[in-house]
Amino acid sequence: MRAVKTDELIKALDHGKIIANPESWKNNTAAITAVSSLLTLVVGILEIFGISIPMDDGVKVGMATALWSCVGALNVFATFATSAKVGITSSIAAKRAAKKEVKDA
């Protein structure tokens, strides 16, 4: 497995749809979000019924924060990298097009 370079990640965000299979990325992102949500829900329900994971509450909060930070970062990356209409250059292009319309009017 090779390491992904930062400039490759920026290119993916910049151009959108350069990922080989955007549908797969979107499906996997949705699955990761669903599994993470289900895991959070199960832990919460177990706590309600008095079944506790033998960990300090601070550790649980830290793990949940780390989990949701990773899921959020993946969601943002996968959305920008697999969509041509959102991302870094699309917002810049939209601003330029709006300025051009104002000048042409």
PDB file of N, CA and C in Angstrom:
ATOM      1  N   MET A   1       0.847  -1.186   0.000  1.00  0.00           N
ATOM      2  CA  MET A   1       0.000   0.000   0.000  1.00  0.00           C
ATOM      3  C   MET A   1       0.882   1.234   0.000  1.00  0.00           C
ATOM      4  N   ARG A   2       0.636   2.135  -0.916  1.00  0.00           N
ATOM      5  CA  ARG A   2       1.461   3.325  -0.983  1.00  0.00           C
ATOM      6  C   ARG A   2       0.807   4.480  -0.237  1.00  0.00           C
ATOM      7  N   ALA A   3       1.619   5.374   0.254  1.00  0.00           N
ATOM      8  CA  ALA A   3       1.110   6.544   0.969  1.00  0.00           C
ATOM      9  C   ALA A   3       0.530   7.534  -0.041  1.00  0.00           C
ATOM     10  N   VAL A   4      -0.559   8.161   0.337  1.00  0.00           N
ATOM     11  CA  VAL A   4      -1.177   9.172  -0.517  1.00  0.00           C
ATOM     12  C   VAL A   4      -0.525  10.509  -0.207  1.00  0.00           C
ATOM     13  N   LYS A   5      -0.093  11.190  -1.245  1.00  0.00           N
ATOM     14  CA  LYS A   5       0.555  12.479  -1.058  1.00  0.00           C
ATOM     15  C   LYS A   5      -0.495  13.566  -0.895  1.00  0.00           C
ATOM     16  N   THR A   6      -0.130  14.603  -0.169  1.00  0.00           N
ATOM     17  CA  THR A   6      -1.044  15.705   0.084  1.00  0.00           C
ATOM     18  C   THR A   6      -1.511  16.355  -1.214  1.00  0.00           C
ATOM     19  N   ASP A   7      -0.602  16.520  -2.171  1.00  0.00           N
ATOM     20  CA  ASP A   7      -1.001  17.158  -3.421  1.00  0.00           C
ATOM     21  C   ASP A   7      -2.009  16.318  -4.197  1.00  0.00           C
ATOM     22  N   GLU A   8      -1.972  14.983  -4.032  1.00  0.00           N
ATOM     23  CA  GLU A   8      -2.974  14.129  -4.670  1.00  0.00           C
ATOM     24  C   GLU A   8      -4.342  14.332  -4.032  1.00  0.00           C
ATOM     25  N   LEU A   9      -4.364  14.508  -2.710  1.00  0.00           N
ATOM     26  CA  LEU A   9      -5.632  14.762  -2.024  1.00  0.00           C
ATOM     27  C   LEU A   9      -6.212  16.100  -2.459  1.00  0.00           C
ATOM     28  N   ILE A  10      -5.358  17.112  -2.558  1.00  0.00           N
ATOM     29  CA  ILE A  10      -5.820  18.436  -2.985  1.00  0.00           C
ATOM     30  C   ILE A  10      -6.348  18.370  -4.421  1.00  0.00           C
ATOM     31  N   LYS A  11      -5.658  17.607  -5.290  1.00  0.00           N
ATOM     32  CA  LYS A  11      -6.135  17.448  -6.665  1.00  0.00           C
ATOM     33  C   LYS A  11      -7.518  16.806  -6.693  1.00  0.00           C
ATOM     34  N   ALA A  12      -7.711  15.813  -5.848  1.00  0.00           N
ATOM     35  CA  ALA A  12      -9.017  15.151  -5.793  1.00  0.00           C
ATOM     36  C   ALA A  12     -10.091  16.134  -5.366  1.00  0.00           C
ATOM     37  N   LEU A  13      -9.796  16.948  -4.378  1.00  0.00           N
ATOM     38  CA  LEU A  13     -10.753  17.947  -3.925  1.00  0.00           C
ATOM     39  C   LEU A  13     -10.942  19.021  -4.988  1.00  0.00           C
ATOM     40  N   ASP A  14      -9.888  19.329  -5.703  1.00  0.00           N
ATOM     41  CA  ASP A  14      -9.898  20.405  -6.677  1.00  0.00           C
ATOM     42  C   ASP A  14     -10.718  20.052  -7.913  1.00  0.00           C
ATOM     43  N   HIS A  15     -10.563  18.865  -8.420  1.00  0.00           N
ATOM     44  CA  HIS A  15     -11.182  18.523  -9.686  1.00  0.00           C
ATOM     45  C   HIS A  15     -12.494  17.757  -9.552  1.00  0.00           C
ATOM     46  N   GLY A  16     -12.688  17.041  -8.482  1.00  0.00           N
ATOM     47  CA  GLY A  16     -13.898  16.239  -8.343  1.00  0.00           C
ATOM     48  C   GLY A  16     -13.969  15.149  -9.396  1.00  0.00           C
ATOM     49  N   LYS A  17     -14.623  14.086  -9.080  1.00  0.00           N
ATOM     50  CA  LYS A  17     -14.838  12.956  -9.977  1.00  0.00           C
ATOM     51  C   LYS A  17     -13.556  12.369 -10.558  1.00  0.00           C
ATOM     52  N   ILE A  18     -12.395  12.619  -9.974  1.00  0.00           N
ATOM     53  CA  ILE A  18     -11.197  11.953 -10.467  1.00  0.00           C
ATOM     54  C   ILE A  18     -11.019  10.606  -9.777  1.00  0.00           C
ATOM     55  N   ILE A  19     -11.841  10.359  -8.782  1.00  0.00           N
ATOM     56  CA  ILE A  19     -11.838   9.065  -8.118  1.00  0.00           C
ATOM     57  C   ILE A  19     -12.373   8.047  -9.128  1.00  0.00           C
ATOM     58  N   ALA A  20     -11.771   6.881  -9.168  1.00  0.00           N
ATOM     59  CA  ALA A  20     -12.124   5.870 -10.167  1.00  0.00           C
ATOM     60  C   ALA A  20     -13.601   5.483 -10.115  1.00  0.00           C
ATOM     61  N   ASN A  21     -14.163   5.368  -8.910  1.00  0.00           N
ATOM     62  CA  ASN A  21     -15.541   4.921  -8.783  1.00  0.00           C
ATOM     63  C   ASN A  21     -16.267   5.786  -7.753  1.00  0.00           C
ATOM     64  N   PRO A  22     -16.785   6.953  -8.139  1.00  0.00           N
ATOM     65  CA  PRO A  22     -17.420   7.844  -7.175  1.00  0.00           C
ATOM     66  C   PRO A  22     -18.630   7.232  -6.476  1.00  0.00           C
ATOM     67  N   GLU A  23     -19.376   6.374  -7.184  1.00  0.00           N
ATOM     68  CA  GLU A  23     -20.551   5.757  -6.561  1.00  0.00           C
ATOM     69  C   GLU A  23     -20.137   4.892  -5.369  1.00  0.00           C
ATOM     70  N   SER A  24     -19.060   4.145  -5.551  1.00  0.00           N
ATOM     71  CA  SER A  24     -18.560   3.291  -4.475  1.00  0.00           C
ATOM     72  C   SER A  24     -18.113   4.131  -3.281  1.00  0.00           C
ATOM     73  N   TRP A  25     -17.422   5.246  -3.568  1.00  0.00           N
ATOM     74  CA  TRP A  25     -16.992   6.134  -2.478  1.00  0.00           C
ATOM     75  C   TRP A  25     -18.195   6.656  -1.713  1.00  0.00           C
ATOM     76  N   LYS A  26     -19.217   7.098  -2.422  1.00  0.00           N
ATOM     77  CA  LYS A  26     -20.398   7.649  -1.764  1.00  0.00           C
ATOM     78  C   LYS A  26     -21.129   6.565  -0.963  1.00  0.00           C
ATOM     79  N   ASN A  27     -21.244   5.370  -1.530  1.00  0.00           N
ATOM     80  CA  ASN A  27     -21.900   4.274  -0.811  1.00  0.00           C
ATOM     81  C   ASN A  27     -21.125   3.890   0.448  1.00  0.00           C
ATOM     82  N   ASN A  28     -19.809   3.813   0.335  1.00  0.00           N
ATOM     83  CA  ASN A  28     -18.993   3.459   1.493  1.00  0.00           C
ATOM     84  C   ASN A  28     -19.028   4.550   2.559  1.00  0.00           C
ATOM     85  N   THR A  29     -19.054   5.803   2.140  1.00  0.00           N
ATOM     86  CA  THR A  29     -19.156   6.897   3.105  1.00  0.00           C
ATOM     87  C   THR A  29     -20.477   6.822   3.855  1.00  0.00           C
ATOM     88  N   ALA A  30     -21.558   6.553   3.131  1.00  0.00           N
ATOM     89  CA  ALA A  30     -22.866   6.409   3.783  1.00  0.00           C
ATOM     90  C   ALA A  30     -22.870   5.220   4.745  1.00  0.00           C
ATOM     91  N   ALA A  31     -22.231   4.135   4.352  1.00  0.00           N
ATOM     92  CA  ALA A  31     -22.165   2.950   5.218  1.00  0.00           C
ATOM     93  C   ALA A  31     -21.362   3.235   6.483  1.00  0.00           C
ATOM     94  N   ILE A  32     -20.238   3.926   6.344  1.00  0.00           N
ATOM     95  CA  ILE A  32     -19.423   4.268   7.517  1.00  0.00           C
ATOM     96  C   ILE A  32     -20.201   5.173   8.470  1.00  0.00           C
ATOM     97  N   THR A  33     -20.914   6.134   7.918  1.00  0.00           N
ATOM     98  CA  THR A  33     -21.723   7.023   8.743  1.00  0.00           C
ATOM     99  C   THR A  33     -22.825   6.247   9.453  1.00  0.00           C
ATOM    100  N   ALA A  34     -23.481   5.335   8.737  1.00  0.00           N
ATOM    101  CA  ALA A  34     -24.557   4.545   9.341  1.00  0.00           C
ATOM    102  C   ALA A  34     -24.036   3.636  10.447  1.00  0.00           C
ATOM    103  N   VAL A  35     -22.916   2.970  10.212  1.00  0.00           N
ATOM    104  CA  VAL A  35     -22.346   2.079  11.230  1.00  0.00           C
ATOM    105  C   VAL A  35     -21.902   2.877  12.456  1.00  0.00           C
ATOM    106  N   SER A  36     -21.306   4.032  12.231  1.00  0.00           N
ATOM    107  CA  SER A  36     -20.872   4.871  13.355  1.00  0.00           C
ATOM    108  C   SER A  36     -22.065   5.355  14.161  1.00  0.00           C
ATOM    109  N   SER A  37     -23.130   5.742  13.463  1.00  0.00           N
ATOM    110  CA  SER A  37     -24.350   6.174  14.151  1.00  0.00           C
ATOM    111  C   SER A  37     -24.960   5.032  14.945  1.00  0.00           C
ATOM    112  N   LEU A  38     -25.004   3.862  14.338  1.00  0.00           N
ATOM    113  CA  LEU A  38     -25.557   2.693  15.025  1.00  0.00           C
ATOM    114  C   LEU A  38     -24.737   2.338  16.258  1.00  0.00           C
ATOM    115  N   LEU A  39     -23.427   2.394  16.146  1.00  0.00           N
ATOM    116  CA  LEU A  39     -22.550   2.115  17.285  1.00  0.00           C
ATOM    117  C   LEU A  39     -22.802   3.109  18.423  1.00  0.00           C
ATOM    118  N   THR A  40     -22.926   4.377  18.075  1.00  0.00           N
ATOM    119  CA  THR A  40     -23.208   5.400  19.081  1.00  0.00           C
ATOM    120  C   THR A  40     -24.565   5.154  19.737  1.00  0.00           C
ATOM    121  N   LEU A  41     -25.558   4.805  18.924  1.00  0.00           N
ATOM    122  CA  LEU A  41     -26.893   4.523  19.440  1.00  0.00           C
ATOM    123  C   LEU A  41     -26.890   3.324  20.379  1.00  0.00           C
ATOM    124  N   VAL A  42     -26.218   2.256  19.994  1.00  0.00           N
ATOM    125  CA  VAL A  42     -26.169   1.040  20.817  1.00  0.00           C
ATOM    126  C   VAL A  42     -25.515   1.332  22.170  1.00  0.00           C
ATOM    127  N   VAL A  43     -24.407   2.053  22.152  1.00  0.00           N
ATOM    128  CA  VAL A  43     -23.727   2.385  23.409  1.00  0.00           C
ATOM    129  C   VAL A  43     -24.643   3.233  24.291  1.00  0.00           C
ATOM    130  N   GLY A  44     -25.349   4.188  23.692  1.00  0.00           N
ATOM    131  CA  GLY A  44     -26.278   5.023  24.451  1.00  0.00           C
ATOM    132  C   GLY A  44     -27.420   4.221  25.053  1.00  0.00           C
ATOM    133  N   ILE A  45     -27.990   3.309  24.282  1.00  0.00           N
ATOM    134  CA  ILE A  45     -29.096   2.478  24.784  1.00  0.00           C
ATOM    135  C   ILE A  45     -28.609   1.553  25.892  1.00  0.00           C
ATOM    136  N   LEU A  46     -27.425   0.968  25.725  1.00  0.00           N
ATOM    137  CA  LEU A  46     -26.876   0.111  26.780  1.00  0.00           C
ATOM    138  C   LEU A  46     -26.695   0.894  28.080  1.00  0.00           C
ATOM    139  N   GLU A  47     -26.229   2.132  27.967  1.00  0.00           N
ATOM    140  CA  GLU A  47     -26.048   2.977  29.161  1.00  0.00           C
ATOM    141  C   GLU A  47     -27.389   3.234  29.846  1.00  0.00           C
ATOM    142  N   ILE A  48     -28.451   3.438  29.062  1.00  0.00           N
ATOM    143  CA  ILE A  48     -29.788   3.680  29.628  1.00  0.00           C
ATOM    144  C   ILE A  48     -30.240   2.479  30.457  1.00  0.00           C
ATOM    145  N   PHE A  49     -29.945   1.280  29.994  1.00  0.00           N
ATOM    146  CA  PHE A  49     -30.351   0.079  30.700  1.00  0.00           C
ATOM    147  C   PHE A  49     -29.339  -0.381  31.749  1.00  0.00           C
ATOM    148  N   GLY A  50     -28.364   0.464  32.028  1.00  0.00           N
ATOM    149  CA  GLY A  50     -27.413   0.170  33.093  1.00  0.00           C
ATOM    150  C   GLY A  50     -26.257  -0.731  32.691  1.00  0.00           C
ATOM    151  N   ILE A  51     -26.140  -1.051  31.434  1.00  0.00           N
ATOM    152  CA  ILE A  51     -25.024  -1.857  30.958  1.00  0.00           C
ATOM    153  C   ILE A  51     -23.958  -0.888  30.480  1.00  0.00           C
ATOM    154  N   SER A  52     -22.866  -0.869  31.180  1.00  0.00           N
ATOM    155  CA  SER A  52     -21.846   0.119  30.892  1.00  0.00           C
ATOM    156  C   SER A  52     -20.576  -0.539  30.361  1.00  0.00           C
ATOM    157  N   ILE A  53     -19.946   0.127  29.436  1.00  0.00           N
ATOM    158  CA  ILE A  53     -18.643  -0.322  28.958  1.00  0.00           C
ATOM    159  C   ILE A  53     -17.639   0.057  30.042  1.00  0.00           C
ATOM    160  N   PRO A  54     -16.806  -0.891  30.487  1.00  0.00           N
ATOM    161  CA  PRO A  54     -15.902  -0.600  31.610  1.00  0.00           C
ATOM    162  C   PRO A  54     -14.759   0.346  31.208  1.00  0.00           C
ATOM    163  N   MET A  55     -15.108   1.624  31.065  1.00  0.00           N
ATOM    164  CA  MET A  55     -14.144   2.668  30.723  1.00  0.00           C
ATOM    165  C   MET A  55     -14.522   3.926  31.472  1.00  0.00           C
ATOM    166  N   ASP A  56     -13.551   4.748  31.686  1.00  0.00           N
ATOM    167  CA  ASP A  56     -13.797   6.051  32.278  1.00  0.00           C
ATOM    168  C   ASP A  56     -14.631   6.883  31.291  1.00  0.00           C
ATOM    169  N   ASP A  57     -15.528   7.708  31.810  1.00  0.00           N
ATOM    170  CA  ASP A  57     -16.370   8.528  30.936  1.00  0.00           C
ATOM    171  C   ASP A  57     -15.546   9.440  30.039  1.00  0.00           C
ATOM    172  N   GLY A  58     -14.443   9.951  30.527  1.00  0.00           N
ATOM    173  CA  GLY A  58     -13.577  10.809  29.721  1.00  0.00           C
ATOM    174  C   GLY A  58     -13.000  10.065  28.528  1.00  0.00           C
ATOM    175  N   VAL A  59     -12.661   8.799  28.718  1.00  0.00           N
ATOM    176  CA  VAL A  59     -12.137   7.982  27.613  1.00  0.00           C
ATOM    177  C   VAL A  59     -13.235   7.745  26.582  1.00  0.00           C
ATOM    178  N   LYS A  60     -14.446   7.473  27.049  1.00  0.00           N
ATOM    179  CA  LYS A  60     -15.564   7.262  26.120  1.00  0.00           C
ATOM    180  C   LYS A  60     -15.817   8.511  25.286  1.00  0.00           C
ATOM    181  N   VAL A  61     -15.820   9.658  25.935  1.00  0.00           N
ATOM    182  CA  VAL A  61     -16.051  10.917  25.210  1.00  0.00           C
ATOM    183  C   VAL A  61     -14.928  11.166  24.214  1.00  0.00           C
ATOM    184  N   GLY A  62     -13.695  10.912  24.630  1.00  0.00           N
ATOM    185  CA  GLY A  62     -12.564  11.084  23.725  1.00  0.00           C
ATOM    186  C   GLY A  62     -12.644  10.170  22.520  1.00  0.00           C
ATOM    187  N   MET A  63     -13.025   8.921  22.746  1.00  0.00           N
ATOM    188  CA  MET A  63     -13.153   7.974  21.630  1.00  0.00           C
ATOM    189  C   MET A  63     -14.291   8.375  20.694  1.00  0.00           C
ATOM    190  N   ALA A  64     -15.407   8.807  21.268  1.00  0.00           N
ATOM    191  CA  ALA A  64     -16.538   9.242  20.438  1.00  0.00           C
ATOM    192  C   ALA A  64     -16.172  10.479  19.622  1.00  0.00           C
ATOM    193  N   THR A  65     -15.461  11.403  20.247  1.00  0.00           N
ATOM    194  CA  THR A  65     -15.029  12.604  19.538  1.00  0.00           C
ATOM    195  C   THR A  65     -14.095  12.256  18.390  1.00  0.00           C
ATOM    196  N   ALA A  66     -13.149  11.364  18.643  1.00  0.00           N
ATOM    197  CA  ALA A  66     -12.216  10.943  17.591  1.00  0.00           C
ATOM    198  C   ALA A  66     -12.961  10.240  16.459  1.00  0.00           C
ATOM    199  N   LEU A  67     -13.888   9.357  16.814  1.00  0.00           N
ATOM    200  CA  LEU A  67     -14.668   8.637  15.804  1.00  0.00           C
ATOM    201  C   LEU A  67     -15.424   9.603  14.911  1.00  0.00           C
ATOM    202  N   TRP A  68     -16.165  10.525  15.520  1.00  0.00           N
ATOM    203  CA  TRP A  68     -16.985  11.431  14.722  1.00  0.00           C
ATOM    204  C   TRP A  68     -16.157  12.472  13.978  1.00  0.00           C
ATOM    205  N   SER A  69     -14.986  12.808  14.490  1.00  0.00           N
ATOM    206  CA  SER A  69     -14.086  13.699  13.744  1.00  0.00           C
ATOM    207  C   SER A  69     -13.595  13.014  12.471  1.00  0.00           C
ATOM    208  N   CYS A  70     -13.234  11.746  12.582  1.00  0.00           N
ATOM    209  CA  CYS A  70     -12.784  10.988  11.407  1.00  0.00           C
ATOM    210  C   CYS A  70     -13.918  10.809  10.401  1.00  0.00           C
ATOM    211  N   VAL A  71     -15.109  10.477  10.892  1.00  0.00           N
ATOM    212  CA  VAL A  71     -16.256  10.293  10.002  1.00  0.00           C
ATOM    213  C   VAL A  71     -16.580  11.607   9.295  1.00  0.00           C
ATOM    214  N   GLY A  72     -16.551  12.712  10.027  1.00  0.00           N
ATOM    215  CA  GLY A  72     -16.828  14.014   9.419  1.00  0.00           C
ATOM    216  C   GLY A  72     -15.809  14.381   8.361  1.00  0.00           C
ATOM    217  N   ALA A  73     -14.545  14.158   8.658  1.00  0.00           N
ATOM    218  CA  ALA A  73     -13.485  14.456   7.678  1.00  0.00           C
ATOM    219  C   ALA A  73     -13.644  13.587   6.432  1.00  0.00           C
ATOM    220  N   LEU A  74     -13.958  12.309   6.614  1.00  0.00           N
ATOM    221  CA  LEU A  74     -14.171  11.419   5.475  1.00  0.00           C
ATOM    222  C   LEU A  74     -15.364  11.871   4.643  1.00  0.00           C
ATOM    223  N   ASN A  75     -16.444  12.267   5.308  1.00  0.00           N
ATOM    224  CA  ASN A  75     -17.627  12.734   4.579  1.00  0.00           C
ATOM    225  C   ASN A  75     -17.316  13.951   3.721  1.00  0.00           C
ATOM    226  N   VAL A  76     -16.606  14.914   4.287  1.00  0.00           N
ATOM    227  CA  VAL A  76     -16.262  16.118   3.534  1.00  0.00           C
ATOM    228  C   VAL A  76     -15.362  15.763   2.360  1.00  0.00           C
ATOM    229  N   PHE A  77     -14.336  14.973   2.614  1.00  0.00           N
ATOM    230  CA  PHE A  77     -13.424  14.601   1.533  1.00  0.00           C
ATOM    231  C   PHE A  77     -14.155  13.840   0.434  1.00  0.00           C
ATOM    232  N   ALA A  78     -14.926  12.832   0.814  1.00  0.00           N
ATOM    233  CA  ALA A  78     -15.604  12.009  -0.188  1.00  0.00           C
ATOM    234  C   ALA A  78     -16.618  12.822  -0.988  1.00  0.00           C
ATOM    235  N   THR A  79     -17.290  13.759  -0.344  1.00  0.00           N
ATOM    236  CA  THR A  79     -18.254  14.597  -1.061  1.00  0.00           C
ATOM    237  C   THR A  79     -17.548  15.486  -2.079  1.00  0.00           C
ATOM    238  N   PHE A  80     -16.483  16.165  -1.667  1.00  0.00           N
ATOM    239  CA  PHE A  80     -15.772  17.053  -2.575  1.00  0.00           C
ATOM    240  C   PHE A  80     -15.032  16.278  -3.660  1.00  0.00           C
ATOM    241  N   ALA A  81     -14.458  15.144  -3.316  1.00  0.00           N
ATOM    242  CA  ALA A  81     -13.645  14.400  -4.280  1.00  0.00           C
ATOM    243  C   ALA A  81     -14.473  13.671  -5.325  1.00  0.00           C
ATOM    244  N   THR A  82     -15.751  13.458  -5.049  1.00  0.00           N
ATOM    245  CA  THR A  82     -16.566  12.685  -5.978  1.00  0.00           C
ATOM    246  C   THR A  82     -17.647  13.514  -6.651  1.00  0.00           C
ATOM    247  N   SER A  83     -17.629  14.817  -6.478  1.00  0.00           N
ATOM    248  CA  SER A  83     -18.655  15.673  -7.068  1.00  0.00           C
ATOM    249  C   SER A  83     -17.998  16.817  -7.828  1.00  0.00           C
ATOM    250  N   ALA A  84     -18.325  16.928  -9.090  1.00  0.00           N
ATOM    251  CA  ALA A  84     -17.730  17.987  -9.903  1.00  0.00           C
ATOM    252  C   ALA A  84     -18.318  19.358  -9.578  1.00  0.00           C
ATOM    253  N   LYS A  85     -19.515  19.403  -9.005  1.00  0.00           N
ATOM    254  CA  LYS A  85     -20.176  20.688  -8.770  1.00  0.00           C
ATOM    255  C   LYS A  85     -19.877  21.285  -7.407  1.00  0.00           C
ATOM    256  N   VAL A  86     -19.189  20.565  -6.547  1.00  0.00           N
ATOM    257  CA  VAL A  86     -18.765  21.119  -5.264  1.00  0.00           C
ATOM    258  C   VAL A  86     -17.274  20.900  -5.137  1.00  0.00           C
ATOM    259  N   GLY A  87     -16.656  21.710  -4.338  1.00  0.00           N
ATOM    260  CA  GLY A  87     -15.221  21.565  -4.155  1.00  0.00           C
ATOM    261  C   GLY A  87     -14.521  22.904  -4.204  1.00  0.00           C
ATOM    262  N   ILE A  88     -13.226  22.854  -4.263  1.00  0.00           N
ATOM    263  CA  ILE A  88     -12.423  24.063  -4.185  1.00  0.00           C
ATOM    264  C   ILE A  88     -12.592  24.903  -5.451  1.00  0.00           C
ATOM    265  N   THR A  89     -12.368  24.317  -6.621  1.00  0.00           N
ATOM    266  CA  THR A  89     -12.408  25.119  -7.853  1.00  0.00           C
ATOM    267  C   THR A  89     -13.816  25.474  -8.271  1.00  0.00           C
ATOM    268  N   SER A  90     -14.797  24.664  -7.953  1.00  0.00           N
ATOM    269  CA  SER A  90     -16.155  24.979  -8.377  1.00  0.00           C
ATOM    270  C   SER A  90     -16.652  26.258  -7.722  1.00  0.00           C
ATOM    271  N   SER A  91     -16.300  26.503  -6.459  1.00  0.00           N
ATOM    272  CA  SER A  91     -16.729  27.737  -5.807  1.00  0.00           C
ATOM    273  C   SER A  91     -15.988  28.935  -6.386  1.00  0.00           C
ATOM    274  N   ILE A  92     -14.722  28.757  -6.723  1.00  0.00           N
ATOM    275  CA  ILE A  92     -13.954  29.838  -7.353  1.00  0.00           C
ATOM    276  C   ILE A  92     -14.533  30.130  -8.739  1.00  0.00           C
ATOM    277  N   ALA A  93     -14.826  29.091  -9.497  1.00  0.00           N
ATOM    278  CA  ALA A  93     -15.398  29.267 -10.843  1.00  0.00           C
ATOM    279  C   ALA A  93     -16.758  29.948 -10.772  1.00  0.00           C
ATOM    280  N   ALA A  94     -17.556  29.602  -9.777  1.00  0.00           N
ATOM    281  CA  ALA A  94     -18.874  30.222  -9.630  1.00  0.00           C
ATOM    282  C   ALA A  94     -18.743  31.714  -9.342  1.00  0.00           C
ATOM    283  N   LYS A  95     -17.778  32.085  -8.498  1.00  0.00           N
ATOM    284  CA  LYS A  95     -17.559  33.506  -8.204  1.00  0.00           C
ATOM    285  C   LYS A  95     -17.104  34.253  -9.445  1.00  0.00           C
ATOM    286  N   ARG A  96     -16.215  33.650 -10.221  1.00  0.00           N
ATOM    287  CA  ARG A  96     -15.739  34.291 -11.458  1.00  0.00           C
ATOM    288  C   ARG A  96     -16.882  34.458 -12.456  1.00  0.00           C
ATOM    289  N   ALA A  97     -17.728  33.441 -12.573  1.00  0.00           N
ATOM    290  CA  ALA A  97     -18.853  33.520 -13.503  1.00  0.00           C
ATOM    291  C   ALA A  97     -19.819  34.620 -13.082  1.00  0.00           C
ATOM    292  N   ALA A  98     -20.049  34.749 -11.774  1.00  0.00           N
ATOM    293  CA  ALA A  98     -20.939  35.801 -11.286  1.00  0.00           C
ATOM    294  C   ALA A  98     -20.374  37.182 -11.581  1.00  0.00           C
ATOM    295  N   LYS A  99     -19.057  37.349 -11.409  1.00  0.00           N
ATOM    296  CA  LYS A  99     -18.425  38.635 -11.708  1.00  0.00           C
ATOM    297  C   LYS A  99     -18.522  38.943 -13.197  1.00  0.00           C
ATOM    298  N   LYS A 100     -18.353  37.917 -14.039  1.00  0.00           N
ATOM    299  CA  LYS A 100     -18.418  38.113 -15.487  1.00  0.00           C
ATOM    300  C   LYS A 100     -19.819  38.524 -15.906  1.00  0.00           C
ATOM    301  N   GLU A 101     -20.862  37.924 -15.300  1.00  0.00           N
ATOM    302  CA  GLU A 101     -22.236  38.286 -15.613  1.00  0.00           C
ATOM    303  C   GLU A 101     -22.517  39.735 -15.256  1.00  0.00           C
ATOM    304  N   VAL A 102     -21.986  40.195 -14.129  1.00  0.00           N
ATOM    305  CA  VAL A 102     -22.179  41.579 -13.698  1.00  0.00           C
ATOM    306  C   VAL A 102     -21.533  42.527 -14.694  1.00  0.00           C
ATOM    307  N   LYS A 103     -20.318  42.196 -15.165  1.00  0.00           N
ATOM    308  CA  LYS A 103     -19.611  43.035 -16.131  1.00  0.00           C
ATOM    309  C   LYS A 103     -20.327  43.070 -17.475  1.00  0.00           C
ATOM    310  N   ASP A 104     -20.888  41.906 -17.884  1.00  0.00           N
ATOM    311  CA  ASP A 104     -21.556  41.816 -19.172  1.00  0.00           C
ATOM    312  C   ASP A 104     -22.912  42.523 -19.166  1.00  0.00           C
ATOM    313  N   ALA A 105     -23.499  42.688 -18.020  1.00  0.00           N
ATOM    314  CA  ALA A 105     -24.850  43.281 -17.923  1.00  0.00           C
ATOM    315  C   ALA A 105     -24.841  44.774 -18.124  1.00  0.00           C
TER     316      ALA A 105
END
